[in-house]
Amino acid sequence: MPPSTSPRFPGFAPKTYWRGPQWPVINWLLYWALERQGQVDLAARIREESLRQLSDLAFGEYYEPSTGEALGSSYQSWTAAVALDWLIWDR
């Protein structure tokens, strides 16, 4: 899954809020935009990988991009909301 900062950036810190972790709600936005631009295969891949990551049921605020470790607060409503959106709507 795409981290919030490039791993090549000198300040990359995958467990530090906006310097590298991966955010489920951002994945949902990427998915939404890609699907609307006709890039359905890439959108589907993001959806599948995101749901795999969220199968830990921790619904973390954000995740370590390499290990998938849930970070920040658990049981985030926005994380649960994107999971529900992906699961409810048959695309």
C-alpha atoms as a PDB file:
ATOM      1  CA  MET A   1       0.000   0.000   0.000  1.00  0.00           C
ATOM      2  CA  PRO A   2       1.271   3.496  -0.731  1.00  0.00           C
ATOM      3  CA  PRO A   3       2.946   5.261   2.190  1.00  0.00           C
ATOM      4  CA  SER A   4       2.187   8.923   2.878  1.00  0.00           C
ATOM      5  CA  THR A   5       5.832   9.867   2.221  1.00  0.00           C
ATOM      6  CA  SER A   6       8.301   8.336  -0.199  1.00  0.00           C
ATOM      7  CA  PRO A   7      10.671   5.853   1.450  1.00  0.00           C
ATOM      8  CA  ARG A   8      13.439   7.695  -0.451  1.00  0.00           C
ATOM      9  CA  PHE A   9      12.751  10.920   1.446  1.00  0.00           C
ATOM     10  CA  PRO A  10      15.404  11.501   4.153  1.00  0.00           C
ATOM     11  CA  GLY A  11      12.692  12.207   6.731  1.00  0.00           C
ATOM     12  CA  PHE A  12      10.768   8.989   6.013  1.00  0.00           C
ATOM     13  CA  ALA A  13       9.539   7.572   9.309  1.00  0.00           C
ATOM     14  CA  PRO A  14       6.911   4.850   8.718  1.00  0.00           C
ATOM     15  CA  LYS A  15       5.533   5.022  12.264  1.00  0.00           C
ATOM     16  CA  THR A  16       5.444   8.812  12.560  1.00  0.00           C
ATOM     17  CA  TYR A  17       2.052  10.221  11.638  1.00  0.00           C
ATOM     18  CA  TRP A  18       2.512  12.041   8.259  1.00  0.00           C
ATOM     19  CA  ARG A  19       6.089  11.026   7.470  1.00  0.00           C
ATOM     20  CA  GLY A  20       5.476   7.646   5.996  1.00  0.00           C
ATOM     21  CA  PRO A  21       2.628   5.583   7.391  1.00  0.00           C
ATOM     22  CA  GLN A  22      -0.235   4.428   5.251  1.00  0.00           C
ATOM     23  CA  TRP A  23      -3.772   5.719   5.839  1.00  0.00           C
ATOM     24  CA  PRO A  24      -6.852   3.599   4.968  1.00  0.00           C
ATOM     25  CA  VAL A  25      -8.978   6.672   4.271  1.00  0.00           C
ATOM     26  CA  ILE A  26      -6.376   7.909   1.749  1.00  0.00           C
ATOM     27  CA  ASN A  27      -6.446   4.468   0.105  1.00  0.00           C
ATOM     28  CA  TRP A  28     -10.202   4.842  -0.195  1.00  0.00           C
ATOM     29  CA  LEU A  29      -9.781   8.268  -1.849  1.00  0.00           C
ATOM     30  CA  LEU A  30      -7.219   6.822  -4.288  1.00  0.00           C
ATOM     31  CA  TYR A  31      -9.569   3.940  -5.035  1.00  0.00           C
ATOM     32  CA  TRP A  32     -12.496   6.318  -5.606  1.00  0.00           C
ATOM     33  CA  ALA A  33     -10.501   8.552  -7.964  1.00  0.00           C
ATOM     34  CA  LEU A  34      -8.950   5.681  -9.923  1.00  0.00           C
ATOM     35  CA  GLU A  35     -12.304   3.980 -10.400  1.00  0.00           C
ATOM     36  CA  ARG A  36     -13.849   7.181 -11.742  1.00  0.00           C
ATOM     37  CA  GLN A  37     -10.941   7.649 -14.132  1.00  0.00           C
ATOM     38  CA  GLY A  38     -11.506   4.207 -15.587  1.00  0.00           C
ATOM     39  CA  GLN A  39      -8.493   2.568 -13.941  1.00  0.00           C
ATOM     40  CA  VAL A  40     -10.660  -0.157 -12.469  1.00  0.00           C
ATOM     41  CA  ASP A  41      -7.930  -2.816 -12.239  1.00  0.00           C
ATOM     42  CA  LEU A  42      -5.658  -0.625 -10.116  1.00  0.00           C
ATOM     43  CA  ALA A  43      -8.641   0.548  -8.060  1.00  0.00           C
ATOM     44  CA  ALA A  44      -9.638  -3.068  -7.426  1.00  0.00           C
ATOM     45  CA  ARG A  45      -6.096  -3.934  -6.347  1.00  0.00           C
ATOM     46  CA  ILE A  46      -6.075  -1.082  -3.830  1.00  0.00           C
ATOM     47  CA  ARG A  47      -9.476  -2.208  -2.546  1.00  0.00           C
ATOM     48  CA  GLU A  48      -8.389  -5.842  -2.176  1.00  0.00           C
ATOM     49  CA  GLU A  49      -5.105  -5.017  -0.450  1.00  0.00           C
ATOM     50  CA  SER A  50      -6.787  -2.509   1.836  1.00  0.00           C
ATOM     51  CA  LEU A  51      -9.431  -5.017   2.892  1.00  0.00           C
ATOM     52  CA  ARG A  52      -6.696  -7.595   3.494  1.00  0.00           C
ATOM     53  CA  GLN A  53      -4.909  -5.089   5.718  1.00  0.00           C
ATOM     54  CA  LEU A  54      -8.096  -4.222   7.593  1.00  0.00           C
ATOM     55  CA  SER A  55      -8.877  -7.886   8.205  1.00  0.00           C
ATOM     56  CA  ASP A  56      -6.930  -7.486  11.474  1.00  0.00           C
ATOM     57  CA  LEU A  57     -10.155  -5.813  12.711  1.00  0.00           C
ATOM     58  CA  ALA A  58      -8.087  -3.251  14.649  1.00  0.00           C
ATOM     59  CA  PHE A  59      -9.350  -0.499  12.321  1.00  0.00           C
ATOM     60  CA  GLY A  60      -6.183   1.455  13.038  1.00  0.00           C
ATOM     61  CA  GLU A  61      -5.949   5.168  12.453  1.00  0.00           C
ATOM     62  CA  TYR A  62      -2.971   4.490  10.186  1.00  0.00           C
ATOM     63  CA  TYR A  63      -0.629   1.579   9.399  1.00  0.00           C
ATOM     64  CA  GLU A  64       3.070   0.900   9.079  1.00  0.00           C
ATOM     65  CA  PRO A  65       3.448   0.462   5.286  1.00  0.00           C
ATOM     66  CA  SER A  66       5.934  -2.426   5.328  1.00  0.00           C
ATOM     67  CA  THR A  67       4.596  -4.606   8.132  1.00  0.00           C
ATOM     68  CA  GLY A  68       0.929  -3.614   8.161  1.00  0.00           C
ATOM     69  CA  GLU A  69       1.101  -2.931  11.905  1.00  0.00           C
ATOM     70  CA  ALA A  70      -1.879  -0.870  13.095  1.00  0.00           C
ATOM     71  CA  LEU A  71      -0.759   2.481  14.528  1.00  0.00           C
ATOM     72  CA  GLY A  72      -2.437   5.392  16.273  1.00  0.00           C
ATOM     73  CA  SER A  73      -5.858   4.870  17.780  1.00  0.00           C
ATOM     74  CA  SER A  74      -7.701   1.618  17.233  1.00  0.00           C
ATOM     75  CA  TYR A  75     -11.309   1.265  16.143  1.00  0.00           C
ATOM     76  CA  GLN A  76     -11.291   4.458  14.101  1.00  0.00           C
ATOM     77  CA  SER A  77     -14.710   5.204  12.684  1.00  0.00           C
ATOM     78  CA  TRP A  78     -13.336   6.542   9.395  1.00  0.00           C
ATOM     79  CA  THR A  79     -11.301   3.372   8.911  1.00  0.00           C
ATOM     80  CA  ALA A  80     -14.346   1.234   9.656  1.00  0.00           C
ATOM     81  CA  ALA A  81     -16.426   3.413   7.307  1.00  0.00           C
ATOM     82  CA  VAL A  82     -14.144   2.814   4.328  1.00  0.00           C
ATOM     83  CA  ALA A  83     -14.117  -0.924   5.067  1.00  0.00           C
ATOM     84  CA  LEU A  84     -17.916  -0.924   5.137  1.00  0.00           C
ATOM     85  CA  ASP A  85     -18.090   1.042   1.908  1.00  0.00           C
ATOM     86  CA  TRP A  86     -15.857  -1.489   0.178  1.00  0.00           C
ATOM     87  CA  LEU A  87     -17.808  -4.426   1.583  1.00  0.00           C
ATOM     88  CA  ILE A  88     -21.353  -3.139   1.095  1.00  0.00           C
ATOM     89  CA  TRP A  89     -21.262  -1.772  -2.431  1.00  0.00           C
ATOM     90  CA  ASP A  90     -20.878  -4.386  -5.114  1.00  0.00           C
ATOM     91  CA  ARG A  91     -18.821  -2.661  -7.766  1.00  0.00           C
END
